[in-house]
Amino acid sequence: MIGGVQSRLRKLDIYRKLPADLTEPTTAGALISVISTIVIVVLFITELQAYIEVDNSSEMFVDINRGGEQIRVNLDIEFHKFPCDILSLDVQDIMGSHVVNVEGRLIKKRIKNGQIISEEVHSNHEGHDHHGQQSIDFARIEQAFKEKEGCQIAGYIIVNKVPGNFHVSAHAFGGILHQVFQRSQINTLDLSHTINHISFGEEDDLIKIKKQFQKGVLNPLDNTKKIAQPQGGTGMMFQYYISVVPTTYIDVQGNEYYVHQFTANSNEVQTDHLPAVYFRYDLSPVTVKFLQYRESFLHFLVQICAILGGVFTIASIVDGMIHKSVVALLKKYEMGKLS
């Protein structure tokens, strides 16, 4: 019974074996075997590298308000000759929101001769209106202008997710600015500055993205330097035009990061009004998504099987052709037909 089953099962064998005494090794076969092995090893290593490496893909789709109704703006700007005591950071957008001297979570650092001489931390401040009365130490401001003291602001602010601008000037101190100018014997403000860093999104997410991804334009304004060249009593206004693009990054572990890429252009003009540095931003309705992924193990396994099967099949065909050609030549030689 068992023997009959085995006999029927053997009829299904498509990999039938020849006895060892009916096969013979050949030199051509040995060479083809060595070459085939080398080819298989090289292709296997190439496929293994592709399996281990992380690939990137990107796509675009209409923004569905991922990341909330507000945007975090990270700032680090140094003003070379603008004292901290009359520096204000203001925010305005098309919804009608206009906050003067907004502080969010900022640090103002007084700078003299390239050295930080003091700093103040301002947290969760809602800002003042244009008519708010500011307490001013006129003597300190006069001394700051005399010694060409500068100011560095670093930290972040939160703005609405609509087109608008944030700008640095002395607008919050307009009520007493004429006294400052008179006591300090100046005609205008010098807003020469260096942008150490500007970005949109959570700073921790941006740091992780820079380490894991090589895609996107996250901080194109970094290390930008502008020098004011006032003529007479006129000052210089600087304007940056920023196009913000919502961007989602998904790493190979599936972690999602919602930040914003941006591009920027700038210009500067002479002005008879109070100088300011404007950052005018607009938001794209399209979101860009960058996705990291690895090749699946099943795909890797299929590729390895394809390599093995393909190389062995080609090698068998080449070996068969060579063997038949050699046999035919030998027969012609034995029959004296080989000229």
C-alpha atoms as a PDB file:
ATOM      1  CA  MET A   1       0.000   0.000   0.000  1.00  0.00           C
ATOM      2  CA  ILE A   2       2.686   2.439   1.053  1.00  0.00           C
ATOM      3  CA  GLY A   3       4.872   1.392  -1.883  1.00  0.00           C
ATOM      4  CA  GLY A   4       2.023   2.077  -4.323  1.00  0.00           C
ATOM      5  CA  VAL A   5       1.496   5.569  -2.925  1.00  0.00           C
ATOM      6  CA  GLN A   6       5.208   6.364  -3.156  1.00  0.00           C
ATOM      7  CA  SER A   7       5.279   5.065  -6.764  1.00  0.00           C
ATOM      8  CA  ARG A   8       2.384   7.327  -7.758  1.00  0.00           C
ATOM      9  CA  LEU A   9       3.971  10.275  -5.900  1.00  0.00           C
ATOM     10  CA  ARG A  10       7.286   9.835  -7.727  1.00  0.00           C
ATOM     11  CA  LYS A  11       5.504  10.269 -11.062  1.00  0.00           C
ATOM     12  CA  LEU A  12       4.800  13.874 -10.033  1.00  0.00           C
ATOM     13  CA  ASP A  13       8.512  14.647  -9.587  1.00  0.00           C
ATOM     14  CA  ILE A  14       9.573  17.353 -12.086  1.00  0.00           C
ATOM     15  CA  TYR A  15      13.122  17.438 -10.661  1.00  0.00           C
ATOM     16  CA  ARG A  16      14.220  13.977 -11.691  1.00  0.00           C
ATOM     17  CA  LYS A  17      17.793  12.958 -10.921  1.00  0.00           C
ATOM     18  CA  LEU A  18      20.332  11.231 -13.090  1.00  0.00           C
ATOM     19  CA  PRO A  19      22.658   8.629 -11.620  1.00  0.00           C
ATOM     20  CA  ALA A  20      26.104   9.971 -10.840  1.00  0.00           C
ATOM     21  CA  ASP A  21      27.771   7.660 -13.379  1.00  0.00           C
ATOM     22  CA  LEU A  22      25.681   9.218 -16.170  1.00  0.00           C
ATOM     23  CA  THR A  23      26.985  12.756 -15.566  1.00  0.00           C
ATOM     24  CA  GLU A  24      30.422  14.167 -16.199  1.00  0.00           C
ATOM     25  CA  PRO A  25      32.052  17.463 -15.176  1.00  0.00           C
ATOM     26  CA  THR A  26      33.439  19.760 -17.866  1.00  0.00           C
ATOM     27  CA  THR A  27      35.873  22.677 -17.820  1.00  0.00           C
ATOM     28  CA  ALA A  28      33.324  24.972 -19.453  1.00  0.00           C
ATOM     29  CA  GLY A  29      30.749  23.963 -16.870  1.00  0.00           C
ATOM     30  CA  ALA A  30      33.193  24.701 -14.042  1.00  0.00           C
ATOM     31  CA  LEU A  31      33.932  28.189 -15.430  1.00  0.00           C
ATOM     32  CA  ILE A  32      30.253  28.942 -15.864  1.00  0.00           C
ATOM     33  CA  SER A  33      29.569  27.752 -12.292  1.00  0.00           C
ATOM     34  CA  VAL A  34      32.256  30.044 -10.860  1.00  0.00           C
ATOM     35  CA  ILE A  35      30.994  33.035 -12.856  1.00  0.00           C
ATOM     36  CA  SER A  36      27.400  32.286 -11.849  1.00  0.00           C
ATOM     37  CA  THR A  37      28.353  32.147  -8.181  1.00  0.00           C
ATOM     38  CA  ILE A  38      30.138  35.515  -8.402  1.00  0.00           C
ATOM     39  CA  VAL A  39      27.147  37.088 -10.171  1.00  0.00           C
ATOM     40  CA  ILE A  40      24.741  35.701  -7.530  1.00  0.00           C
ATOM     41  CA  VAL A  41      26.882  37.039  -4.653  1.00  0.00           C
ATOM     42  CA  VAL A  42      27.141  40.521  -6.220  1.00  0.00           C
ATOM     43  CA  LEU A  43      23.408  40.713  -6.940  1.00  0.00           C
ATOM     44  CA  PHE A  44      22.575  39.422  -3.462  1.00  0.00           C
ATOM     45  CA  ILE A  45      24.718  42.102  -1.800  1.00  0.00           C
ATOM     46  CA  THR A  46      23.137  44.805  -3.980  1.00  0.00           C
ATOM     47  CA  GLU A  47      19.629  43.624  -3.099  1.00  0.00           C
ATOM     48  CA  LEU A  48      20.519  43.367   0.598  1.00  0.00           C
ATOM     49  CA  GLN A  49      21.728  46.986   0.597  1.00  0.00           C
ATOM     50  CA  ALA A  50      18.476  48.090  -1.069  1.00  0.00           C
ATOM     51  CA  TYR A  51      16.516  46.174   1.597  1.00  0.00           C
ATOM     52  CA  ILE A  52      18.441  47.766   4.491  1.00  0.00           C
ATOM     53  CA  GLU A  53      18.415  51.345   3.144  1.00  0.00           C
ATOM     54  CA  VAL A  54      15.568  53.754   3.872  1.00  0.00           C
ATOM     55  CA  ASP A  55      13.827  55.179   0.797  1.00  0.00           C
ATOM     56  CA  ASN A  56      11.898  58.443   0.548  1.00  0.00           C
ATOM     57  CA  SER A  57       8.747  59.334  -1.325  1.00  0.00           C
ATOM     58  CA  SER A  58       6.797  62.589  -1.540  1.00  0.00           C
ATOM     59  CA  GLU A  59       3.299  63.657  -2.480  1.00  0.00           C
ATOM     60  CA  MET A  60       1.132  66.780  -2.402  1.00  0.00           C
ATOM     61  CA  PHE A  61      -2.472  67.198  -1.332  1.00  0.00           C
ATOM     62  CA  VAL A  62      -4.830  69.967  -0.271  1.00  0.00           C
ATOM     63  CA  ASP A  63      -4.248  71.084   3.319  1.00  0.00           C
ATOM     64  CA  ILE A  64      -6.896  69.821   5.747  1.00  0.00           C
ATOM     65  CA  ASN A  65      -5.695  72.047   8.599  1.00  0.00           C
ATOM     66  CA  ARG A  66      -3.244  69.568  10.075  1.00  0.00           C
ATOM     67  CA  GLY A  67      -1.320  70.964  13.003  1.00  0.00           C
ATOM     68  CA  GLY A  68      -4.078  73.256  14.303  1.00  0.00           C
ATOM     69  CA  GLU A  69      -5.206  76.846  13.746  1.00  0.00           C
ATOM     70  CA  GLN A  70      -1.912  78.498  14.722  1.00  0.00           C
ATOM     71  CA  ILE A  71       1.735  78.366  13.704  1.00  0.00           C
ATOM     72  CA  ARG A  72       4.787  78.585  15.884  1.00  0.00           C
ATOM     73  CA  VAL A  73       7.494  80.898  14.522  1.00  0.00           C
ATOM     74  CA  ASN A  74      11.012  80.362  15.888  1.00  0.00           C
ATOM     75  CA  LEU A  75      13.233  83.458  15.878  1.00  0.00           C
ATOM     76  CA  ASP A  76      16.830  84.362  16.553  1.00  0.00           C
ATOM     77  CA  ILE A  77      17.649  87.819  15.184  1.00  0.00           C
ATOM     78  CA  GLU A  78      20.476  90.144  16.207  1.00  0.00           C
ATOM     79  CA  PHE A  79      20.152  93.922  15.732  1.00  0.00           C
ATOM     80  CA  HIS A  80      23.574  95.514  15.738  1.00  0.00           C
ATOM     81  CA  LYS A  81      22.642  99.085  16.798  1.00  0.00           C
ATOM     82  CA  PHE A  82      19.079  98.859  18.108  1.00  0.00           C
ATOM     83  CA  PRO A  83      18.732  98.885  21.936  1.00  0.00           C
ATOM     84  CA  CYS A  84      16.458  96.325  23.582  1.00  0.00           C
ATOM     85  CA  ASP A  85      14.667  98.991  25.660  1.00  0.00           C
ATOM     86  CA  ILE A  86      12.701 100.312  22.661  1.00  0.00           C
ATOM     87  CA  LEU A  87      12.578  97.159  20.529  1.00  0.00           C
ATOM     88  CA  SER A  88       9.128  95.687  19.976  1.00  0.00           C
ATOM     89  CA  LEU A  89       7.986  92.664  18.006  1.00  0.00           C
ATOM     90  CA  ASP A  90       4.504  93.181  16.551  1.00  0.00           C
ATOM     91  CA  VAL A  91       2.113  90.778  14.802  1.00  0.00           C
ATOM     92  CA  GLN A  92      -0.670  91.630  12.347  1.00  0.00           C
ATOM     93  CA  ASP A  93      -2.830  89.429  10.103  1.00  0.00           C
ATOM     94  CA  ILE A  94      -5.701  89.753   7.611  1.00  0.00           C
ATOM     95  CA  MET A  95      -8.225  88.672  10.265  1.00  0.00           C
ATOM     96  CA  GLY A  96      -7.754  92.061  11.941  1.00  0.00           C
ATOM     97  CA  SER A  97      -5.563  90.860  14.786  1.00  0.00           C
ATOM     98  CA  HIS A  98      -2.832  93.407  15.566  1.00  0.00           C
ATOM     99  CA  VAL A  99      -0.745  92.817  18.667  1.00  0.00           C
ATOM    100  CA  VAL A 100       2.033  95.277  19.471  1.00  0.00           C
ATOM    101  CA  ASN A 101       5.144  94.272  21.390  1.00  0.00           C
ATOM    102  CA  VAL A 102       4.101  90.624  21.436  1.00  0.00           C
ATOM    103  CA  GLU A 103       6.562  88.530  23.351  1.00  0.00           C
ATOM    104  CA  GLY A 104       5.268  84.946  23.467  1.00  0.00           C
ATOM    105  CA  ARG A 105       8.346  83.176  24.791  1.00  0.00           C
ATOM    106  CA  LEU A 106      11.281  85.407  23.891  1.00  0.00           C
ATOM    107  CA  ILE A 107      14.631  86.333  25.346  1.00  0.00           C
ATOM    108  CA  LYS A 108      15.997  89.836  24.754  1.00  0.00           C
ATOM    109  CA  LYS A 109      19.768  90.020  25.065  1.00  0.00           C
ATOM    110  CA  ARG A 110      21.598  93.338  25.301  1.00  0.00           C
ATOM    111  CA  ILE A 111      24.762  93.249  23.206  1.00  0.00           C
ATOM    112  CA  LYS A 112      27.759  95.580  23.283  1.00  0.00           C
ATOM    113  CA  ASN A 113      30.928  95.039  21.245  1.00  0.00           C
ATOM    114  CA  GLY A 114      29.741  91.558  20.338  1.00  0.00           C
ATOM    115  CA  GLN A 115      29.311  90.508  23.977  1.00  0.00           C
ATOM    116  CA  ILE A 116      26.040  89.785  25.818  1.00  0.00           C
ATOM    117  CA  ILE A 117      25.850  92.112  28.830  1.00  0.00           C
ATOM    118  CA  SER A 118      22.388  91.114  30.112  1.00  0.00           C
ATOM    119  CA  GLU A 119      19.223  89.304  29.098  1.00  0.00           C
ATOM    120  CA  GLU A 120      15.537  89.347  29.955  1.00  0.00           C
ATOM    121  CA  VAL A 121      13.016  86.550  29.527  1.00  0.00           C
ATOM    122  CA  HIS A 122       9.454  87.449  28.470  1.00  0.00           C
ATOM    123  CA  SER A 123       6.838  84.689  28.651  1.00  0.00           C
ATOM    124  CA  ASN A 124       3.182  84.478  27.579  1.00  0.00           C
ATOM    125  CA  HIS A 125       2.809  88.246  27.190  1.00  0.00           C
ATOM    126  CA  GLU A 126      -0.282  89.384  25.321  1.00  0.00           C
ATOM    127  CA  GLY A 127       1.262  92.612  24.057  1.00  0.00           C
ATOM    128  CA  HIS A 128       0.312  96.284  24.276  1.00  0.00           C
ATOM    129  CA  ASP A 129      -1.692  98.554  22.049  1.00  0.00           C
ATOM    130  CA  HIS A 130      -0.317 101.636  20.343  1.00  0.00           C
ATOM    131  CA  HIS A 131      -1.582 103.866  23.124  1.00  0.00           C
ATOM    132  CA  GLY A 132      -0.076 101.885  26.014  1.00  0.00           C
ATOM    133  CA  GLN A 133       2.291 103.870  28.225  1.00  0.00           C
ATOM    134  CA  GLN A 134       5.690 102.257  28.557  1.00  0.00           C
ATOM    135  CA  SER A 135       8.061 102.756  31.479  1.00  0.00           C
ATOM    136  CA  ILE A 136      11.321 103.916  29.951  1.00  0.00           C
ATOM    137  CA  ASP A 137      14.745 104.489  31.459  1.00  0.00           C
ATOM    138  CA  PHE A 138      15.785 107.408  29.246  1.00  0.00           C
ATOM    139  CA  ALA A 139      19.272 107.564  30.715  1.00  0.00           C
ATOM    140  CA  ARG A 140      19.927 103.905  29.897  1.00  0.00           C
ATOM    141  CA  ILE A 141      18.597 104.310  26.353  1.00  0.00           C
ATOM    142  CA  GLU A 142      20.715 107.415  25.812  1.00  0.00           C
ATOM    143  CA  GLN A 143      23.775 105.503  27.027  1.00  0.00           C
ATOM    144  CA  ALA A 144      22.853 102.528  24.803  1.00  0.00           C
ATOM    145  CA  PHE A 145      22.714 104.694  21.671  1.00  0.00           C
ATOM    146  CA  LYS A 146      25.964 106.417  22.641  1.00  0.00           C
ATOM    147  CA  GLU A 147      27.768 103.091  23.047  1.00  0.00           C
ATOM    148  CA  LYS A 148      26.052 101.599  19.943  1.00  0.00           C
ATOM    149  CA  GLU A 149      24.418  98.869  21.955  1.00  0.00           C
ATOM    150  CA  GLY A 150      22.506  96.174  20.071  1.00  0.00           C
ATOM    151  CA  CYS A 151      19.839  93.621  20.879  1.00  0.00           C
ATOM    152  CA  GLN A 152      19.306  89.949  20.127  1.00  0.00           C
ATOM    153  CA  ILE A 153      15.808  88.446  20.321  1.00  0.00           C
ATOM    154  CA  ALA A 154      15.521  84.670  20.481  1.00  0.00           C
ATOM    155  CA  GLY A 155      12.619  82.334  21.139  1.00  0.00           C
ATOM    156  CA  TYR A 156       9.245  81.868  19.490  1.00  0.00           C
ATOM    157  CA  ILE A 157       5.891  83.509  18.877  1.00  0.00           C
ATOM    158  CA  ILE A 158       2.502  82.024  17.968  1.00  0.00           C
ATOM    159  CA  VAL A 159       0.642  83.471  14.979  1.00  0.00           C
ATOM    160  CA  ASN A 160      -2.721  82.665  13.404  1.00  0.00           C
ATOM    161  CA  LYS A 161      -2.683  80.314  10.429  1.00  0.00           C
ATOM    162  CA  VAL A 162      -3.665  83.076   7.994  1.00  0.00           C
ATOM    163  CA  PRO A 163      -1.604  85.493   5.869  1.00  0.00           C
ATOM    164  CA  GLY A 164      -0.076  88.332   7.852  1.00  0.00           C
ATOM    165  CA  ASN A 165       3.200  89.748   9.060  1.00  0.00           C
ATOM    166  CA  PHE A 166       5.356  90.137  12.119  1.00  0.00           C
ATOM    167  CA  HIS A 167       7.751  93.043  12.309  1.00  0.00           C
ATOM    168  CA  VAL A 168      10.431  94.469  14.540  1.00  0.00           C
ATOM    169  CA  SER A 169      10.515  98.204  15.249  1.00  0.00           C
ATOM    170  CA  ALA A 170       9.707 100.649  18.059  1.00  0.00           C
ATOM    171  CA  HIS A 171       5.974 100.974  17.304  1.00  0.00           C
ATOM    172  CA  ALA A 172       4.973 100.089  20.869  1.00  0.00           C
ATOM    173  CA  PHE A 173       6.915 103.113  22.128  1.00  0.00           C
ATOM    174  CA  GLY A 174       5.582 105.660  19.637  1.00  0.00           C
ATOM    175  CA  GLY A 175       4.232 107.916  22.380  1.00  0.00           C
ATOM    176  CA  ILE A 176       7.667 108.639  23.854  1.00  0.00           C
ATOM    177  CA  LEU A 177       9.887 107.977  20.837  1.00  0.00           C
ATOM    178  CA  HIS A 178      10.338 111.664  20.012  1.00  0.00           C
ATOM    179  CA  GLN A 179      11.790 112.159  23.514  1.00  0.00           C
ATOM    180  CA  VAL A 180      14.158 109.240  22.973  1.00  0.00           C
ATOM    181  CA  PHE A 181      15.350 110.710  19.685  1.00  0.00           C
ATOM    182  CA  GLN A 182      15.770 114.161  21.201  1.00  0.00           C
ATOM    183  CA  ARG A 183      17.685 112.982  24.263  1.00  0.00           C
ATOM    184  CA  SER A 184      19.861 110.574  22.236  1.00  0.00           C
ATOM    185  CA  GLN A 185      20.436 113.136  19.444  1.00  0.00           C
ATOM    186  CA  ILE A 186      19.475 110.768  16.628  1.00  0.00           C
ATOM    187  CA  ASN A 187      17.173 111.237  13.638  1.00  0.00           C
ATOM    188  CA  THR A 188      16.191 107.642  12.878  1.00  0.00           C
ATOM    189  CA  LEU A 189      16.790 104.016  13.872  1.00  0.00           C
ATOM    190  CA  ASP A 190      19.517 101.807  12.439  1.00  0.00           C
ATOM    191  CA  LEU A 191      17.969  98.372  11.912  1.00  0.00           C
ATOM    192  CA  SER A 192      21.037  96.599  10.544  1.00  0.00           C
ATOM    193  CA  HIS A 193      20.601  92.975  11.537  1.00  0.00           C
ATOM    194  CA  THR A 194      21.652  89.366  11.196  1.00  0.00           C
ATOM    195  CA  ILE A 195      19.073  86.580  11.027  1.00  0.00           C
ATOM    196  CA  ASN A 196      20.637  83.675  12.875  1.00  0.00           C
ATOM    197  CA  HIS A 197      17.549  81.517  12.547  1.00  0.00           C
ATOM    198  CA  ILE A 198      13.906  81.603  11.451  1.00  0.00           C
ATOM    199  CA  SER A 199      11.715  78.519  11.097  1.00  0.00           C
ATOM    200  CA  PHE A 200       8.063  77.490  11.350  1.00  0.00           C
ATOM    201  CA  GLY A 201       7.063  74.588  13.590  1.00  0.00           C
ATOM    202  CA  GLU A 202       8.115  72.893  16.797  1.00  0.00           C
ATOM    203  CA  GLU A 203      11.861  73.262  17.244  1.00  0.00           C
ATOM    204  CA  ASP A 204      12.283  69.689  18.535  1.00  0.00           C
ATOM    205  CA  ASP A 205      10.501  68.322  15.453  1.00  0.00           C
ATOM    206  CA  LEU A 206      12.685  70.423  13.158  1.00  0.00           C
ATOM    207  CA  ILE A 207      15.845  69.070  14.799  1.00  0.00           C
ATOM    208  CA  LYS A 208      14.664  65.472  14.353  1.00  0.00           C
ATOM    209  CA  ILE A 209      13.689  66.117  10.726  1.00  0.00           C
ATOM    210  CA  LYS A 210      17.117  67.535   9.891  1.00  0.00           C
ATOM    211  CA  LYS A 211      18.760  64.415  11.323  1.00  0.00           C
ATOM    212  CA  GLN A 212      16.515  61.883   9.584  1.00  0.00           C
ATOM    213  CA  PHE A 213      15.523  63.569   6.320  1.00  0.00           C
ATOM    214  CA  GLN A 214      17.465  65.321   3.596  1.00  0.00           C
ATOM    215  CA  LYS A 215      14.345  66.819   2.055  1.00  0.00           C
ATOM    216  CA  GLY A 216      12.713  70.219   2.316  1.00  0.00           C
ATOM    217  CA  VAL A 217      13.624  73.893   2.754  1.00  0.00           C
ATOM    218  CA  LEU A 218      13.158  74.568   6.452  1.00  0.00           C
ATOM    219  CA  ASN A 219      15.342  77.609   7.213  1.00  0.00           C
ATOM    220  CA  PRO A 220      16.569  79.396   4.054  1.00  0.00           C
ATOM    221  CA  LEU A 221      16.968  82.767   5.833  1.00  0.00           C
ATOM    222  CA  ASP A 222      19.499  81.528   8.374  1.00  0.00           C
ATOM    223  CA  ASN A 223      22.707  83.597   8.494  1.00  0.00           C
ATOM    224  CA  THR A 224      21.205  86.402   6.388  1.00  0.00           C
ATOM    225  CA  LYS A 225      22.857  89.766   7.131  1.00  0.00           C
ATOM    226  CA  LYS A 226      21.523  93.209   6.175  1.00  0.00           C
ATOM    227  CA  ILE A 227      23.287  96.549   6.733  1.00  0.00           C
ATOM    228  CA  ALA A 228      21.263  99.781   6.768  1.00  0.00           C
ATOM    229  CA  GLN A 229      22.679 102.705   4.795  1.00  0.00           C
ATOM    230  CA  PRO A 230      20.590 105.718   5.914  1.00  0.00           C
ATOM    231  CA  GLN A 231      20.905 108.965   3.995  1.00  0.00           C
ATOM    232  CA  GLY A 232      20.399 112.205   5.905  1.00  0.00           C
ATOM    233  CA  GLY A 233      17.477 111.845   8.289  1.00  0.00           C
ATOM    234  CA  THR A 234      15.819 108.959   6.444  1.00  0.00           C
ATOM    235  CA  GLY A 235      15.947 105.405   7.706  1.00  0.00           C
ATOM    236  CA  MET A 236      15.877 102.087   5.907  1.00  0.00           C
ATOM    237  CA  MET A 237      13.019  99.600   5.936  1.00  0.00           C
ATOM    238  CA  PHE A 238      13.668  95.899   5.318  1.00  0.00           C
ATOM    239  CA  GLN A 239      10.961  93.574   4.021  1.00  0.00           C
ATOM    240  CA  TYR A 240      11.004  89.789   3.697  1.00  0.00           C
ATOM    241  CA  TYR A 241       8.301  88.036   1.656  1.00  0.00           C
ATOM    242  CA  ILE A 242       7.809  84.475   2.882  1.00  0.00           C
ATOM    243  CA  SER A 243       5.770  81.712   1.219  1.00  0.00           C
ATOM    244  CA  VAL A 244       4.948  79.080   3.834  1.00  0.00           C
ATOM    245  CA  VAL A 245       4.157  75.497   2.790  1.00  0.00           C
ATOM    246  CA  PRO A 246       2.636  73.096   5.362  1.00  0.00           C
ATOM    247  CA  THR A 247       4.701  69.922   5.406  1.00  0.00           C
ATOM    248  CA  THR A 248       4.233  66.507   6.993  1.00  0.00           C
ATOM    249  CA  TYR A 249       7.191  64.217   7.626  1.00  0.00           C
ATOM    250  CA  ILE A 250       6.636  60.537   8.453  1.00  0.00           C
ATOM    251  CA  ASP A 251       9.705  58.561   9.479  1.00  0.00           C
ATOM    252  CA  VAL A 252      10.275  54.834   9.040  1.00  0.00           C
ATOM    253  CA  GLN A 253       8.857  54.134  12.532  1.00  0.00           C
ATOM    254  CA  GLY A 254       5.602  55.887  11.610  1.00  0.00           C
ATOM    255  CA  ASN A 255       6.183  59.036  13.695  1.00  0.00           C
ATOM    256  CA  GLU A 256       4.542  62.131  12.130  1.00  0.00           C
ATOM    257  CA  TYR A 257       5.940  65.675  12.314  1.00  0.00           C
ATOM    258  CA  TYR A 258       3.905  68.713  11.207  1.00  0.00           C
ATOM    259  CA  VAL A 259       6.134  71.670  10.323  1.00  0.00           C
ATOM    260  CA  HIS A 260       6.359  74.260   7.532  1.00  0.00           C
ATOM    261  CA  GLN A 261       8.823  74.762   4.726  1.00  0.00           C
ATOM    262  CA  PHE A 262       9.204  78.243   3.281  1.00  0.00           C
ATOM    263  CA  THR A 263      10.891  80.275   0.594  1.00  0.00           C
ATOM    264  CA  ALA A 264      11.781  83.943   0.985  1.00  0.00           C
ATOM    265  CA  ASN A 265      12.665  87.051  -1.004  1.00  0.00           C
ATOM    266  CA  SER A 266      13.660  90.423   0.391  1.00  0.00           C
ATOM    267  CA  ASN A 267      14.172  94.085  -0.423  1.00  0.00           C
ATOM    268  CA  GLU A 268      15.073  97.274   1.402  1.00  0.00           C
ATOM    269  CA  VAL A 269      13.897 100.845   0.790  1.00  0.00           C
ATOM    270  CA  GLN A 270      14.561 104.306   2.207  1.00  0.00           C
ATOM    271  CA  THR A 271      11.710 105.649   4.331  1.00  0.00           C
ATOM    272  CA  ASP A 272      10.776 108.911   6.026  1.00  0.00           C
ATOM    273  CA  HIS A 273       8.644 106.997   8.516  1.00  0.00           C
ATOM    274  CA  LEU A 274       9.767 104.894  11.448  1.00  0.00           C
ATOM    275  CA  PRO A 275      12.005 102.102  10.081  1.00  0.00           C
ATOM    276  CA  ALA A 276      10.998  98.489  10.635  1.00  0.00           C
ATOM    277  CA  VAL A 277      11.931  94.972   9.590  1.00  0.00           C
ATOM    278  CA  TYR A 278       8.852  93.246   8.147  1.00  0.00           C
ATOM    279  CA  PHE A 279       8.376  89.515   7.657  1.00  0.00           C
ATOM    280  CA  ARG A 280       5.277  89.164   5.450  1.00  0.00           C
ATOM    281  CA  TYR A 281       4.072  85.585   5.170  1.00  0.00           C
ATOM    282  CA  ASP A 282       1.469  83.823   3.059  1.00  0.00           C
ATOM    283  CA  LEU A 283       0.364  80.203   3.372  1.00  0.00           C
ATOM    284  CA  SER A 284       0.041  77.659   0.604  1.00  0.00           C
ATOM    285  CA  PRO A 285      -3.219  75.642   0.472  1.00  0.00           C
ATOM    286  CA  VAL A 286      -1.212  72.581  -0.577  1.00  0.00           C
ATOM    287  CA  THR A 287       0.513  70.308   1.916  1.00  0.00           C
ATOM    288  CA  VAL A 288       3.664  68.356   1.047  1.00  0.00           C
ATOM    289  CA  LYS A 289       4.208  64.936   2.622  1.00  0.00           C
ATOM    290  CA  PHE A 290       7.575  63.195   2.852  1.00  0.00           C
ATOM    291  CA  LEU A 291       7.442  59.499   3.736  1.00  0.00           C
ATOM    292  CA  GLN A 292      10.304  57.221   4.734  1.00  0.00           C
ATOM    293  CA  TYR A 293       9.885  53.494   4.093  1.00  0.00           C
ATOM    294  CA  ARG A 294      11.828  50.253   3.779  1.00  0.00           C
ATOM    295  CA  GLU A 295      11.372  47.449   1.273  1.00  0.00           C
ATOM    296  CA  SER A 296       9.242  44.627   2.718  1.00  0.00           C
ATOM    297  CA  PHE A 297      10.863  41.294   3.564  1.00  0.00           C
ATOM    298  CA  LEU A 298       8.556  39.435   1.153  1.00  0.00           C
ATOM    299  CA  HIS A 299       9.662  41.719  -1.678  1.00  0.00           C
ATOM    300  CA  PHE A 300      13.288  41.096  -0.708  1.00  0.00           C
ATOM    301  CA  LEU A 301      12.652  37.323  -0.701  1.00  0.00           C
ATOM    302  CA  VAL A 302      11.019  37.444  -4.151  1.00  0.00           C
ATOM    303  CA  GLN A 303      13.983  39.399  -5.523  1.00  0.00           C
ATOM    304  CA  ILE A 304      16.470  36.841  -4.138  1.00  0.00           C
ATOM    305  CA  CYS A 305      14.495  33.967  -5.660  1.00  0.00           C
ATOM    306  CA  ALA A 306      14.400  35.821  -8.978  1.00  0.00           C
ATOM    307  CA  ILE A 307      18.174  36.295  -8.867  1.00  0.00           C
ATOM    308  CA  LEU A 308      18.846  32.627  -8.111  1.00  0.00           C
ATOM    309  CA  GLY A 309      16.386  31.321 -10.679  1.00  0.00           C
ATOM    310  CA  GLY A 310      17.437  33.774 -13.381  1.00  0.00           C
ATOM    311  CA  VAL A 311      21.177  33.213 -13.010  1.00  0.00           C
ATOM    312  CA  PHE A 312      20.876  29.408 -12.881  1.00  0.00           C
ATOM    313  CA  THR A 313      18.560  29.373 -15.911  1.00  0.00           C
ATOM    314  CA  ILE A 314      20.856  31.570 -18.015  1.00  0.00           C
ATOM    315  CA  ALA A 315      23.902  29.611 -16.868  1.00  0.00           C
ATOM    316  CA  SER A 316      22.237  26.298 -17.847  1.00  0.00           C
ATOM    317  CA  ILE A 317      21.342  27.642 -21.299  1.00  0.00           C
ATOM    318  CA  VAL A 318      24.867  28.947 -21.890  1.00  0.00           C
ATOM    319  CA  ASP A 319      26.425  25.700 -20.626  1.00  0.00           C
ATOM    320  CA  GLY A 320      24.148  23.630 -22.866  1.00  0.00           C
ATOM    321  CA  MET A 321      25.010  25.718 -25.940  1.00  0.00           C
ATOM    322  CA  ILE A 322      28.742  25.459 -25.267  1.00  0.00           C
ATOM    323  CA  HIS A 323      28.562  21.719 -24.625  1.00  0.00           C
ATOM    324  CA  LYS A 324      26.563  21.032 -27.808  1.00  0.00           C
ATOM    325  CA  SER A 325      28.923  23.199 -29.863  1.00  0.00           C
ATOM    326  CA  VAL A 326      31.975  21.373 -28.557  1.00  0.00           C
ATOM    327  CA  VAL A 327      30.391  17.939 -29.186  1.00  0.00           C
ATOM    328  CA  ALA A 328      29.438  18.930 -32.753  1.00  0.00           C
ATOM    329  CA  LEU A 329      32.967  20.172 -33.467  1.00  0.00           C
ATOM    330  CA  LEU A 330      34.496  16.975 -32.144  1.00  0.00           C
ATOM    331  CA  LYS A 331      32.222  14.837 -34.341  1.00  0.00           C
ATOM    332  CA  LYS A 332      33.165  16.825 -37.432  1.00  0.00           C
ATOM    333  CA  TYR A 333      36.839  16.487 -36.509  1.00  0.00           C
ATOM    334  CA  GLU A 334      36.530  12.707 -36.128  1.00  0.00           C
ATOM    335  CA  MET A 335      34.774  12.462 -39.476  1.00  0.00           C
ATOM    336  CA  GLY A 336      37.435  14.604 -41.142  1.00  0.00           C
ATOM    337  CA  LYS A 337      34.935  17.289 -42.110  1.00  0.00           C
ATOM    338  CA  LEU A 338      36.517  20.016 -40.016  1.00  0.00           C
ATOM    339  CA  SER A 339      38.664  22.119 -42.325  1.00  0.00           C
END
